[in-house]
Amino acid sequence: TTKPLKDLDIIIFEMVDRSLTPNGVATQHPTDFEIMSIIWKNWLKGSGCKHVELYKAVADKKLMLERLKNFLKVI
């Protein structure tokens, strides 16, 4: 009944999806990322987090920085 993460904003980068081939093709559906996103978002929101974003692993540093900037604008 308590909310231990009350009013916390969370951003998670670099979630690696094991269900993708090296070329990025899904080998199963739903993918690991889709399943873990649902589980993590549900738990974090249920724990009181105000804002939650999760992202797949990418090699583009500019993309990651843009996502972080956008996240900071929201909070």
Protein backbone atom coordinates (compact mmCIF):
# COMPACT_ATOMS: atom_id res chain seq x y z
CA THR A 1 0.00 0.00 0.00
CA THR A 2 3.01 2.32 0.17
CA LYS A 3 4.54 4.02 -2.85
CA PRO A 4 8.33 3.72 -2.27
CA LEU A 5 9.17 5.48 -5.56
CA LYS A 6 6.61 8.25 -5.12
CA ASP A 7 7.09 11.19 -7.49
CA LEU A 8 10.22 9.69 -9.07
CA ASP A 9 10.91 10.08 -12.79
CA ILE A 10 12.73 7.13 -14.42
CA ILE A 11 14.46 6.74 -17.77
CA ILE A 12 16.08 3.41 -18.68
CA PHE A 13 18.52 3.22 -21.57
CA GLU A 14 20.20 0.26 -23.23
CA MET A 15 17.68 -2.53 -22.76
CA VAL A 16 19.12 -5.31 -24.92
CA ASP A 17 16.53 -7.39 -26.77
CA ARG A 18 17.79 -11.00 -26.88
CA SER A 19 14.99 -11.99 -29.25
CA LEU A 20 16.56 -10.04 -32.14
CA THR A 21 19.08 -11.43 -34.61
CA PRO A 22 22.33 -9.47 -35.16
CA ASN A 23 20.51 -7.81 -38.10
CA GLY A 24 17.71 -6.65 -35.81
CA VAL A 25 15.04 -9.10 -36.97
CA ALA A 26 12.69 -10.43 -34.28
CA THR A 27 12.88 -14.19 -33.77
CA GLN A 28 9.77 -14.31 -31.58
CA HIS A 29 6.71 -12.20 -30.83
CA PRO A 30 6.21 -10.51 -28.52
CA THR A 31 9.88 -9.62 -28.28
CA ASP A 32 11.89 -9.59 -25.04
CA PHE A 33 11.87 -5.78 -25.12
CA GLU A 34 8.08 -5.64 -25.46
CA ILE A 35 7.59 -8.04 -22.55
CA MET A 36 10.14 -6.37 -20.27
CA SER A 37 8.77 -2.91 -21.09
CA ILE A 38 5.31 -3.93 -19.95
CA ILE A 39 6.64 -5.55 -16.75
CA TRP A 40 8.97 -2.67 -15.82
CA LYS A 41 6.46 0.09 -16.63
CA ASN A 42 3.70 -1.67 -14.68
CA TRP A 43 5.93 -2.17 -11.63
CA LEU A 44 7.44 1.34 -11.70
CA LYS A 45 4.06 3.05 -12.17
CA GLY A 46 2.57 0.84 -9.45
CA SER A 47 5.41 1.89 -7.16
CA GLY A 48 4.49 5.54 -7.60
CA CYS A 49 6.78 6.74 -10.40
CA LYS A 50 5.37 9.81 -12.12
CA HIS A 51 7.07 9.40 -15.50
CA VAL A 52 8.71 6.28 -16.98
CA GLU A 53 10.51 5.81 -20.32
CA LEU A 54 12.38 2.71 -21.52
CA TYR A 55 14.57 2.48 -24.62
CA LYS A 56 16.23 -0.27 -26.62
CA ALA A 57 20.00 -0.33 -27.00
CA VAL A 58 21.20 1.80 -29.92
CA ALA A 59 24.64 2.79 -31.16
CA ASP A 60 23.67 6.38 -32.06
CA LYS A 61 24.93 8.69 -29.31
CA LYS A 62 23.00 11.67 -30.73
CA LEU A 63 19.73 9.74 -30.57
CA MET A 64 20.32 8.84 -26.93
CA LEU A 65 21.15 12.45 -26.02
CA GLU A 66 18.03 13.67 -27.82
CA ARG A 67 15.90 11.19 -25.89
CA LEU A 68 17.47 12.34 -22.62
CA LYS A 69 16.86 16.02 -23.47
CA ASN A 70 13.22 15.28 -24.29
CA PHE A 71 12.82 13.35 -21.03
CA LEU A 72 14.26 16.25 -19.03
CA LYS A 73 11.83 18.68 -20.72
CA VAL A 74 8.89 16.58 -19.53
CA ILE A 75 9.92 16.42 -15.88
